[in-house]
Amino acid sequence: MHITLTHYVIVSALLFSLGLFAVLSRRNAILVLMGIELILNSANINFIAFSRFGGSDMGGQAVAIFVIILAAAEAAVALAIVLNIYQRFHTVNVDDINKLRE
């Protein structure tokens, strides 16, 4: 069996839909962050797959590495925010944190 671009796109679409489901349905802030990471990883799969099958040499890999660096920075900042919210409100439930508006 030969792996084609369609296989990569299907795996990426599955990861994206799982990540979107996690972001939209979860109330826990940590699980929302995990959903965002799944969405970013699906984008990385698309970048690398289209780079490989589209004839570009290293463009997709360079963008994927940039996205990985961006995701690491996003995770560090988001986890710091979640820890501060937990210290103040004693919960990481997104629905319970409505006092931030005041």
PDB file of N, CA and C in Angstrom:
ATOM      1  N   MET A   1       0.850  -1.184   0.000  1.00  0.00           N
ATOM      2  CA  MET A   1       0.000   0.000   0.000  1.00  0.00           C
ATOM      3  C   MET A   1       0.889   1.239   0.000  1.00  0.00           C
ATOM      4  N   HIS A   2       0.570   2.151  -0.876  1.00  0.00           N
ATOM      5  CA  HIS A   2       1.331   3.393  -1.000  1.00  0.00           C
ATOM      6  C   HIS A   2       0.582   4.517  -0.287  1.00  0.00           C
ATOM      7  N   ILE A   3       1.292   5.231   0.572  1.00  0.00           N
ATOM      8  CA  ILE A   3       0.670   6.338   1.314  1.00  0.00           C
ATOM      9  C   ILE A   3       0.674   7.576   0.432  1.00  0.00           C
ATOM     10  N   THR A   4      -0.507   8.138   0.233  1.00  0.00           N
ATOM     11  CA  THR A   4      -0.653   9.303  -0.633  1.00  0.00           C
ATOM     12  C   THR A   4      -1.010  10.534   0.202  1.00  0.00           C
ATOM     13  N   LEU A   5      -1.165  11.628  -0.488  1.00  0.00           N
ATOM     14  CA  LEU A   5      -1.537  12.887   0.160  1.00  0.00           C
ATOM     15  C   LEU A   5      -2.899  12.770   0.830  1.00  0.00           C
ATOM     16  N   THR A   6      -3.777  12.002   0.261  1.00  0.00           N
ATOM     17  CA  THR A   6      -5.123  11.828   0.824  1.00  0.00           C
ATOM     18  C   THR A   6      -5.065  11.240   2.224  1.00  0.00           C
ATOM     19  N   HIS A   7      -4.173  10.299   2.442  1.00  0.00           N
ATOM     20  CA  HIS A   7      -4.039   9.700   3.768  1.00  0.00           C
ATOM     21  C   HIS A   7      -3.631  10.744   4.812  1.00  0.00           C
ATOM     22  N   TYR A   8      -2.672  11.582   4.447  1.00  0.00           N
ATOM     23  CA  TYR A   8      -2.239  12.632   5.367  1.00  0.00           C
ATOM     24  C   TYR A   8      -3.365  13.624   5.661  1.00  0.00           C
ATOM     25  N   VAL A   9      -4.103  13.980   4.636  1.00  0.00           N
ATOM     26  CA  VAL A   9      -5.192  14.943   4.811  1.00  0.00           C
ATOM     27  C   VAL A   9      -6.302  14.349   5.676  1.00  0.00           C
ATOM     28  N   ILE A  10      -6.579  13.068   5.522  1.00  0.00           N
ATOM     29  CA  ILE A  10      -7.609  12.425   6.345  1.00  0.00           C
ATOM     30  C   ILE A  10      -7.194  12.390   7.806  1.00  0.00           C
ATOM     31  N   VAL A  11      -5.931  12.015   8.069  1.00  0.00           N
ATOM     32  CA  VAL A  11      -5.438  12.010   9.456  1.00  0.00           C
ATOM     33  C   VAL A  11      -5.466  13.416  10.035  1.00  0.00           C
ATOM     34  N   SER A  12      -5.079  14.390   9.237  1.00  0.00           N
ATOM     35  CA  SER A  12      -5.100  15.776   9.702  1.00  0.00           C
ATOM     36  C   SER A  12      -6.521  16.249   9.985  1.00  0.00           C
ATOM     37  N   ALA A  13      -7.463  15.881   9.138  1.00  0.00           N
ATOM     38  CA  ALA A  13      -8.856  16.274   9.362  1.00  0.00           C
ATOM     39  C   ALA A  13      -9.413  15.629  10.620  1.00  0.00           C
ATOM     40  N   LEU A  14      -9.042  14.376  10.872  1.00  0.00           N
ATOM     41  CA  LEU A  14      -9.480  13.712  12.106  1.00  0.00           C
ATOM     42  C   LEU A  14      -8.911  14.402  13.343  1.00  0.00           C
ATOM     43  N   LEU A  15      -7.619  14.722  13.300  1.00  0.00           N
ATOM     44  CA  LEU A  15      -7.012  15.432  14.435  1.00  0.00           C
ATOM     45  C   LEU A  15      -7.649  16.796  14.641  1.00  0.00           C
ATOM     46  N   PHE A  16      -7.901  17.502  13.544  1.00  0.00           N
ATOM     47  CA  PHE A  16      -8.519  18.822  13.653  1.00  0.00           C
ATOM     48  C   PHE A  16      -9.914  18.726  14.252  1.00  0.00           C
ATOM     49  N   SER A  17     -10.695  17.738  13.791  1.00  0.00           N
ATOM     50  CA  SER A  17     -12.053  17.618  14.323  1.00  0.00           C
ATOM     51  C   SER A  17     -12.051  17.198  15.785  1.00  0.00           C
ATOM     52  N   LEU A  18     -11.123  16.336  16.200  1.00  0.00           N
ATOM     53  CA  LEU A  18     -11.014  15.977  17.613  1.00  0.00           C
ATOM     54  C   LEU A  18     -10.595  17.182  18.459  1.00  0.00           C
ATOM     55  N   GLY A  19      -9.663  17.971  17.937  1.00  0.00           N
ATOM     56  CA  GLY A  19      -9.241  19.169  18.652  1.00  0.00           C
ATOM     57  C   GLY A  19     -10.348  20.197  18.759  1.00  0.00           C
ATOM     58  N   LEU A  20     -11.090  20.385  17.689  1.00  0.00           N
ATOM     59  CA  LEU A  20     -12.209  21.324  17.708  1.00  0.00           C
ATOM     60  C   LEU A  20     -13.291  20.857  18.676  1.00  0.00           C
ATOM     61  N   PHE A  21     -13.558  19.556  18.688  1.00  0.00           N
ATOM     62  CA  PHE A  21     -14.528  19.009  19.635  1.00  0.00           C
ATOM     63  C   PHE A  21     -14.068  19.245  21.070  1.00  0.00           C
ATOM     64  N   ALA A  22     -12.774  19.057  21.333  1.00  0.00           N
ATOM     65  CA  ALA A  22     -12.249  19.265  22.683  1.00  0.00           C
ATOM     66  C   ALA A  22     -12.349  20.728  23.101  1.00  0.00           C
ATOM     67  N   VAL A  23     -12.075  21.636  22.182  1.00  0.00           N
ATOM     68  CA  VAL A  23     -12.132  23.060  22.517  1.00  0.00           C
ATOM     69  C   VAL A  23     -13.569  23.500  22.779  1.00  0.00           C
ATOM     70  N   LEU A  24     -14.500  23.018  21.979  1.00  0.00           N
ATOM     71  CA  LEU A  24     -15.880  23.479  22.095  1.00  0.00           C
ATOM     72  C   LEU A  24     -16.674  22.785  23.193  1.00  0.00           C
ATOM     73  N   SER A  25     -16.312  21.578  23.549  1.00  0.00           N
ATOM     74  CA  SER A  25     -17.154  20.834  24.488  1.00  0.00           C
ATOM     75  C   SER A  25     -16.604  20.756  25.902  1.00  0.00           C
ATOM     76  N   ARG A  26     -15.343  20.953  26.095  1.00  0.00           N
ATOM     77  CA  ARG A  26     -14.748  20.789  27.419  1.00  0.00           C
ATOM     78  C   ARG A  26     -14.879  22.066  28.234  1.00  0.00           C
ATOM     79  N   ARG A  27     -14.993  21.882  29.530  1.00  0.00           N
ATOM     80  CA  ARG A  27     -15.075  23.014  30.444  1.00  0.00           C
ATOM     81  C   ARG A  27     -13.772  23.210  31.210  1.00  0.00           C
ATOM     82  N   ASN A  28     -12.919  22.192  31.217  1.00  0.00           N
ATOM     83  CA  ASN A  28     -11.655  22.268  31.914  1.00  0.00           C
ATOM     84  C   ASN A  28     -10.645  23.008  31.029  1.00  0.00           C
ATOM     85  N   ALA A  29      -9.956  23.977  31.594  1.00  0.00           N
ATOM     86  CA  ALA A  29      -9.040  24.801  30.803  1.00  0.00           C
ATOM     87  C   ALA A  29      -7.864  23.989  30.268  1.00  0.00           C
ATOM     88  N   ILE A  30      -7.405  23.005  31.013  1.00  0.00           N
ATOM     89  CA  ILE A  30      -6.294  22.178  30.556  1.00  0.00           C
ATOM     90  C   ILE A  30      -6.712  21.359  29.331  1.00  0.00           C
ATOM     91  N   LEU A  31      -7.920  20.822  29.340  1.00  0.00           N
ATOM     92  CA  LEU A  31      -8.387  20.049  28.192  1.00  0.00           C
ATOM     93  C   LEU A  31      -8.621  20.936  26.973  1.00  0.00           C
ATOM     94  N   VAL A  32      -9.003  22.184  27.185  1.00  0.00           N
ATOM     95  CA  VAL A  32      -9.139  23.127  26.075  1.00  0.00           C
ATOM     96  C   VAL A  32      -7.763  23.382  25.452  1.00  0.00           C
ATOM     97  N   LEU A  33      -6.746  23.524  26.286  1.00  0.00           N
ATOM     98  CA  LEU A  33      -5.386  23.710  25.771  1.00  0.00           C
ATOM     99  C   LEU A  33      -4.909  22.491  25.000  1.00  0.00           C
ATOM    100  N   MET A  34      -5.276  21.297  25.460  1.00  0.00           N
ATOM    101  CA  MET A  34      -4.909  20.090  24.730  1.00  0.00           C
ATOM    102  C   MET A  34      -5.604  20.039  23.371  1.00  0.00           C
ATOM    103  N   GLY A  35      -6.832  20.521  23.298  1.00  0.00           N
ATOM    104  CA  GLY A  35      -7.530  20.600  22.019  1.00  0.00           C
ATOM    105  C   GLY A  35      -6.854  21.560  21.061  1.00  0.00           C
ATOM    106  N   ILE A  36      -6.371  22.677  21.576  1.00  0.00           N
ATOM    107  CA  ILE A  36      -5.648  23.639  20.738  1.00  0.00           C
ATOM    108  C   ILE A  36      -4.364  23.012  20.206  1.00  0.00           C
ATOM    109  N   GLU A  37      -3.686  22.232  21.028  1.00  0.00           N
ATOM    110  CA  GLU A  37      -2.474  21.549  20.574  1.00  0.00           C
ATOM    111  C   GLU A  37      -2.791  20.542  19.469  1.00  0.00           C
ATOM    112  N   LEU A  38      -3.924  19.854  19.574  1.00  0.00           N
ATOM    113  CA  LEU A  38      -4.312  18.924  18.511  1.00  0.00           C
ATOM    114  C   LEU A  38      -4.567  19.666  17.199  1.00  0.00           C
ATOM    115  N   ILE A  39      -5.191  20.820  17.289  1.00  0.00           N
ATOM    116  CA  ILE A  39      -5.455  21.615  16.085  1.00  0.00           C
ATOM    117  C   ILE A  39      -4.139  22.073  15.456  1.00  0.00           C
ATOM    118  N   LEU A  40      -3.191  22.508  16.272  1.00  0.00           N
ATOM    119  CA  LEU A  40      -1.897  22.938  15.738  1.00  0.00           C
ATOM    120  C   LEU A  40      -1.127  21.765  15.125  1.00  0.00           C
ATOM    121  N   ASN A  41      -1.223  20.583  15.733  1.00  0.00           N
ATOM    122  CA  ASN A  41      -0.546  19.418  15.163  1.00  0.00           C
ATOM    123  C   ASN A  41      -1.177  18.986  13.842  1.00  0.00           C
ATOM    124  N   SER A  42      -2.484  19.161  13.702  1.00  0.00           N
ATOM    125  CA  SER A  42      -3.108  18.835  12.417  1.00  0.00           C
ATOM    126  C   SER A  42      -2.628  19.801  11.334  1.00  0.00           C
ATOM    127  N   ALA A  43      -2.422  21.043  11.706  1.00  0.00           N
ATOM    128  CA  ALA A  43      -1.873  22.003  10.737  1.00  0.00           C
ATOM    129  C   ALA A  43      -0.448  21.621  10.348  1.00  0.00           C
ATOM    130  N   ASN A  44       0.339  21.147  11.313  1.00  0.00           N
ATOM    131  CA  ASN A  44       1.698  20.704  11.002  1.00  0.00           C
ATOM    132  C   ASN A  44       1.706  19.535  10.035  1.00  0.00           C
ATOM    133  N   ILE A  45       0.805  18.588  10.228  1.00  0.00           N
ATOM    134  CA  ILE A  45       0.727  17.455   9.304  1.00  0.00           C
ATOM    135  C   ILE A  45       0.404  17.946   7.899  1.00  0.00           C
ATOM    136  N   ASN A  46      -0.507  18.904   7.789  1.00  0.00           N
ATOM    137  CA  ASN A  46      -0.828  19.452   6.464  1.00  0.00           C
ATOM    138  C   ASN A  46       0.365  20.168   5.846  1.00  0.00           C
ATOM    139  N   PHE A  47       1.074  20.971   6.626  1.00  0.00           N
ATOM    140  CA  PHE A  47       2.245  21.684   6.092  1.00  0.00           C
ATOM    141  C   PHE A  47       3.285  20.710   5.549  1.00  0.00           C
ATOM    142  N   ILE A  48       3.575  19.672   6.308  1.00  0.00           N
ATOM    143  CA  ILE A  48       4.609  18.734   5.890  1.00  0.00           C
ATOM    144  C   ILE A  48       4.131  17.885   4.712  1.00  0.00           C
ATOM    145  N   ALA A  49       2.879  17.466   4.729  1.00  0.00           N
ATOM    146  CA  ALA A  49       2.361  16.646   3.633  1.00  0.00           C
ATOM    147  C   ALA A  49       2.325  17.429   2.320  1.00  0.00           C
ATOM    148  N   PHE A  50       1.828  18.647   2.369  1.00  0.00           N
ATOM    149  CA  PHE A  50       1.772  19.432   1.135  1.00  0.00           C
ATOM    150  C   PHE A  50       3.162  19.848   0.680  1.00  0.00           C
ATOM    151  N   SER A  51       4.091  19.990   1.617  1.00  0.00           N
ATOM    152  CA  SER A  51       5.461  20.279   1.230  1.00  0.00           C
ATOM    153  C   SER A  51       6.084  19.082   0.527  1.00  0.00           C
ATOM    154  N   ARG A  52       5.801  17.891   1.039  1.00  0.00           N
ATOM    155  CA  ARG A  52       6.373  16.680   0.446  1.00  0.00           C
ATOM    156  C   ARG A  52       5.771  16.386  -0.921  1.00  0.00           C
ATOM    157  N   PHE A  53       4.473  16.474  -1.043  1.00  0.00           N
ATOM    158  CA  PHE A  53       3.814  16.115  -2.289  1.00  0.00           C
ATOM    159  C   PHE A  53       3.669  17.286  -3.256  1.00  0.00           C
ATOM    160  N   GLY A  54       3.918  18.497  -2.796  1.00  0.00           N
ATOM    161  CA  GLY A  54       3.780  19.659  -3.652  1.00  0.00           C
ATOM    162  C   GLY A  54       5.045  20.067  -4.356  1.00  0.00           C
ATOM    163  N   GLY A  55       6.157  19.445  -4.026  1.00  0.00           N
ATOM    164  CA  GLY A  55       7.400  19.752  -4.709  1.00  0.00           C
ATOM    165  C   GLY A  55       8.285  20.753  -3.994  1.00  0.00           C
ATOM    166  N   SER A  56       7.810  21.352  -2.919  1.00  0.00           N
ATOM    167  CA  SER A  56       8.637  22.297  -2.165  1.00  0.00           C
ATOM    168  C   SER A  56       9.667  21.515  -1.355  1.00  0.00           C
ATOM    169  N   ASP A  57      10.859  22.066  -1.232  1.00  0.00           N
ATOM    170  CA  ASP A  57      11.921  21.327  -0.561  1.00  0.00           C
ATOM    171  C   ASP A  57      11.758  21.327   0.951  1.00  0.00           C
ATOM    172  N   MET A  58      11.926  22.481   1.577  1.00  0.00           N
ATOM    173  CA  MET A  58      11.916  22.543   3.037  1.00  0.00           C
ATOM    174  C   MET A  58      10.926  23.561   3.591  1.00  0.00           C
ATOM    175  N   GLY A  59      10.069  24.086   2.759  1.00  0.00           N
ATOM    176  CA  GLY A  59       9.134  25.118   3.213  1.00  0.00           C
ATOM    177  C   GLY A  59       8.170  24.627   4.273  1.00  0.00           C
ATOM    178  N   GLY A  60       7.585  23.469   4.076  1.00  0.00           N
ATOM    179  CA  GLY A  60       6.626  22.923   5.036  1.00  0.00           C
ATOM    180  C   GLY A  60       7.276  22.558   6.358  1.00  0.00           C
ATOM    181  N   GLN A  61       8.493  22.000   6.290  1.00  0.00           N
ATOM    182  CA  GLN A  61       9.194  21.654   7.523  1.00  0.00           C
ATOM    183  C   GLN A  61       9.568  22.895   8.315  1.00  0.00           C
ATOM    184  N   ALA A  62       9.966  23.952   7.636  1.00  0.00           N
ATOM    185  CA  ALA A  62      10.331  25.193   8.326  1.00  0.00           C
ATOM    186  C   ALA A  62       9.115  25.805   9.017  1.00  0.00           C
ATOM    187  N   VAL A  63       7.985  25.804   8.330  1.00  0.00           N
ATOM    188  CA  VAL A  63       6.770  26.348   8.931  1.00  0.00           C
ATOM    189  C   VAL A  63       6.317  25.472  10.094  1.00  0.00           C
ATOM    190  N   ALA A  64       6.451  24.146   9.956  1.00  0.00           N
ATOM    191  CA  ALA A  64       6.058  23.232  11.028  1.00  0.00           C
ATOM    192  C   ALA A  64       6.919  23.445  12.271  1.00  0.00           C
ATOM    193  N   ILE A  65       8.204  23.657  12.090  1.00  0.00           N
ATOM    194  CA  ILE A  65       9.081  23.925  13.246  1.00  0.00           C
ATOM    195  C   ILE A  65       8.696  25.243  13.896  1.00  0.00           C
ATOM    196  N   PHE A  66       8.367  26.255  13.102  1.00  0.00           N
ATOM    197  CA  PHE A  66       7.914  27.525  13.655  1.00  0.00           C
ATOM    198  C   PHE A  66       6.626  27.351  14.452  1.00  0.00           C
ATOM    199  N   VAL A  67       5.697  26.539  13.940  1.00  0.00           N
ATOM    200  CA  VAL A  67       4.435  26.295  14.648  1.00  0.00           C
ATOM    201  C   VAL A  67       4.694  25.536  15.951  1.00  0.00           C
ATOM    202  N   ILE A  68       5.631  24.595  15.957  1.00  0.00           N
ATOM    203  CA  ILE A  68       5.968  23.867  17.181  1.00  0.00           C
ATOM    204  C   ILE A  68       6.544  24.811  18.222  1.00  0.00           C
ATOM    205  N   ILE A  69       7.418  25.721  17.806  1.00  0.00           N
ATOM    206  CA  ILE A  69       7.979  26.708  18.731  1.00  0.00           C
ATOM    207  C   ILE A  69       6.875  27.619  19.261  1.00  0.00           C
ATOM    208  N   LEU A  70       5.989  28.046  18.385  1.00  0.00           N
ATOM    209  CA  LEU A  70       4.868  28.886  18.794  1.00  0.00           C
ATOM    210  C   LEU A  70       3.946  28.149  19.766  1.00  0.00           C
ATOM    211  N   ALA A  71       3.706  26.860  19.527  1.00  0.00           N
ATOM    212  CA  ALA A  71       2.852  26.071  20.416  1.00  0.00           C
ATOM    213  C   ALA A  71       3.493  25.887  21.786  1.00  0.00           C
ATOM    214  N   ALA A  72       4.808  25.739  21.823  1.00  0.00           N
ATOM    215  CA  ALA A  72       5.484  25.608  23.113  1.00  0.00           C
ATOM    216  C   ALA A  72       5.386  26.900  23.917  1.00  0.00           C
ATOM    217  N   ALA A  73       5.562  28.027  23.250  1.00  0.00           N
ATOM    218  CA  ALA A  73       5.436  29.311  23.943  1.00  0.00           C
ATOM    219  C   ALA A  73       3.996  29.538  24.396  1.00  0.00           C
ATOM    220  N   GLU A  74       3.053  29.185  23.550  1.00  0.00           N
ATOM    221  CA  GLU A  74       1.628  29.327  23.907  1.00  0.00           C
ATOM    222  C   GLU A  74       1.272  28.455  25.093  1.00  0.00           C
ATOM    223  N   ALA A  75       1.794  27.244  25.118  1.00  0.00           N
ATOM    224  CA  ALA A  75       1.503  26.334  26.230  1.00  0.00           C
ATOM    225  C   ALA A  75       2.092  26.851  27.531  1.00  0.00           C
ATOM    226  N   ALA A  76       3.285  27.400  27.483  1.00  0.00           N
ATOM    227  CA  ALA A  76       3.911  27.925  28.699  1.00  0.00           C
ATOM    228  C   ALA A  76       3.128  29.111  29.259  1.00  0.00           C
ATOM    229  N   VAL A  77       2.745  30.039  28.392  1.00  0.00           N
ATOM    230  CA  VAL A  77       1.992  31.207  28.850  1.00  0.00           C
ATOM    231  C   VAL A  77       0.598  30.803  29.323  1.00  0.00           C
ATOM    232  N   ALA A  78      -0.052  29.919  28.586  1.00  0.00           N
ATOM    233  CA  ALA A  78      -1.405  29.500  28.963  1.00  0.00           C
ATOM    234  C   ALA A  78      -1.403  28.729  30.272  1.00  0.00           C
ATOM    235  N   LEU A  79      -0.428  27.870  30.491  1.00  0.00           N
ATOM    236  CA  LEU A  79      -0.359  27.141  31.755  1.00  0.00           C
ATOM    237  C   LEU A  79      -0.073  28.069  32.923  1.00  0.00           C
ATOM    238  N   ALA A  80       0.723  29.098  32.705  1.00  0.00           N
ATOM    239  CA  ALA A  80       0.957  30.083  33.768  1.00  0.00           C
ATOM    240  C   ALA A  80      -0.341  30.827  34.103  1.00  0.00           C
ATOM    241  N   ILE A  81      -1.106  31.165  33.089  1.00  0.00           N
ATOM    242  CA  ILE A  81      -2.398  31.833  33.329  1.00  0.00           C
ATOM    243  C   ILE A  81      -3.350  30.903  34.063  1.00  0.00           C
ATOM    244  N   VAL A  82      -3.399  29.632  33.655  1.00  0.00           N
ATOM    245  CA  VAL A  82      -4.279  28.664  34.316  1.00  0.00           C
ATOM    246  C   VAL A  82      -3.873  28.468  35.776  1.00  0.00           C
ATOM    247  N   LEU A  83      -2.582  28.412  36.052  1.00  0.00           N
ATOM    248  CA  LEU A  83      -2.133  28.271  37.441  1.00  0.00           C
ATOM    249  C   LEU A  83      -2.514  29.483  38.282  1.00  0.00           C
ATOM    250  N   ASN A  84      -2.405  30.674  37.730  1.00  0.00           N
ATOM    251  CA  ASN A  84      -2.823  31.873  38.461  1.00  0.00           C
ATOM    252  C   ASN A  84      -4.334  31.884  38.692  1.00  0.00           C
ATOM    253  N   ILE A  85      -5.090  31.452  37.711  1.00  0.00           N
ATOM    254  CA  ILE A  85      -6.546  31.367  37.890  1.00  0.00           C
ATOM    255  C   ILE A  85      -6.889  30.349  38.962  1.00  0.00           C
ATOM    256  N   TYR A  86      -6.185  29.214  38.966  1.00  0.00           N
ATOM    257  CA  TYR A  86      -6.459  28.192  39.977  1.00  0.00           C
ATOM    258  C   TYR A  86      -6.123  28.697  41.380  1.00  0.00           C
ATOM    259  N   GLN A  87      -5.034  29.449  41.514  1.00  0.00           N
ATOM    260  CA  GLN A  87      -4.674  29.989  42.828  1.00  0.00           C
ATOM    261  C   GLN A  87      -5.723  30.970  43.331  1.00  0.00           C
ATOM    262  N   ARG A  88      -6.326  31.719  42.420  1.00  0.00           N
ATOM    263  CA  ARG A  88      -7.296  32.718  42.852  1.00  0.00           C
ATOM    264  C   ARG A  88      -8.696  32.148  43.059  1.00  0.00           C
ATOM    265  N   PHE A  89      -9.159  31.298  42.126  1.00  0.00           N
ATOM    266  CA  PHE A  89     -10.543  30.824  42.162  1.00  0.00           C
ATOM    267  C   PHE A  89     -10.688  29.377  42.621  1.00  0.00           C
ATOM    268  N   HIS A  90      -9.595  28.649  42.755  1.00  0.00           N
ATOM    269  CA  HIS A  90      -9.580  27.241  43.175  1.00  0.00           C
ATOM    270  C   HIS A  90     -10.374  26.349  42.227  1.00  0.00           C
ATOM    271  N   THR A  91     -10.367  26.673  40.954  1.00  0.00           N
ATOM    272  CA  THR A  91     -10.989  25.837  39.930  1.00  0.00           C
ATOM    273  C   THR A  91     -10.351  26.170  38.585  1.00  0.00           C
ATOM    274  N   VAL A  92     -10.390  25.187  37.684  1.00  0.00           N
ATOM    275  CA  VAL A  92      -9.949  25.435  36.308  1.00  0.00           C
ATOM    276  C   VAL A  92     -11.108  25.253  35.340  1.00  0.00           C
ATOM    277  N   ASN A  93     -12.318  25.213  35.876  1.00  0.00           N
ATOM    278  CA  ASN A  93     -13.512  25.114  35.061  1.00  0.00           C
ATOM    279  C   ASN A  93     -13.768  26.462  34.397  1.00  0.00           C
ATOM    280  N   VAL A  94     -13.858  26.448  33.094  1.00  0.00           N
ATOM    281  CA  VAL A  94     -13.984  27.689  32.329  1.00  0.00           C
ATOM    282  C   VAL A  94     -15.296  28.411  32.635  1.00  0.00           C
ATOM    283  N   ASP A  95     -16.367  27.668  32.878  1.00  0.00           N
ATOM    284  CA  ASP A  95     -17.659  28.284  33.151  1.00  0.00           C
ATOM    285  C   ASP A  95     -17.709  28.967  34.522  1.00  0.00           C
ATOM    286  N   ASP A  96     -16.936  28.481  35.480  1.00  0.00           N
ATOM    287  CA  ASP A  96     -16.954  29.051  36.820  1.00  0.00           C
ATOM    288  C   ASP A  96     -16.136  30.320  36.947  1.00  0.00           C
ATOM    289  N   ILE A  97     -15.362  30.631  35.942  1.00  0.00           N
ATOM    290  CA  ILE A  97     -14.461  31.782  36.033  1.00  0.00           C
ATOM    291  C   ILE A  97     -15.096  32.975  35.320  1.00  0.00           C
ATOM    292  N   ASN A  98     -16.206  33.437  35.809  1.00  0.00           N
ATOM    293  CA  ASN A  98     -16.847  34.610  35.228  1.00  0.00           C
ATOM    294  C   ASN A  98     -16.601  35.858  36.067  1.00  0.00           C
ATOM    295  N   LYS A  99     -15.860  35.719  37.157  1.00  0.00           N
ATOM    296  CA  LYS A  99     -15.551  36.875  38.001  1.00  0.00           C
ATOM    297  C   LYS A  99     -14.418  37.712  37.427  1.00  0.00           C
ATOM    298  N   LEU A 100     -13.784  37.258  36.355  1.00  0.00           N
ATOM    299  CA  LEU A 100     -12.700  38.011  35.741  1.00  0.00           C
ATOM    300  C   LEU A 100     -13.188  39.297  35.093  1.00  0.00           C
ATOM    301  N   ARG A 101     -14.459  39.354  34.769  1.00  0.00           N
ATOM    302  CA  ARG A 101     -15.015  40.548  34.138  1.00  0.00           C
ATOM    303  C   ARG A 101     -15.141  41.703  35.111  1.00  0.00           C
ATOM    304  N   GLU A 102     -15.235  41.402  36.372  1.00  0.00           N
ATOM    305  CA  GLU A 102     -15.464  42.449  37.387  1.00  0.00           C
ATOM    306  C   GLU A 102     -14.195  43.139  37.788  1.00  0.00           C
TER     307      GLU A 102
END
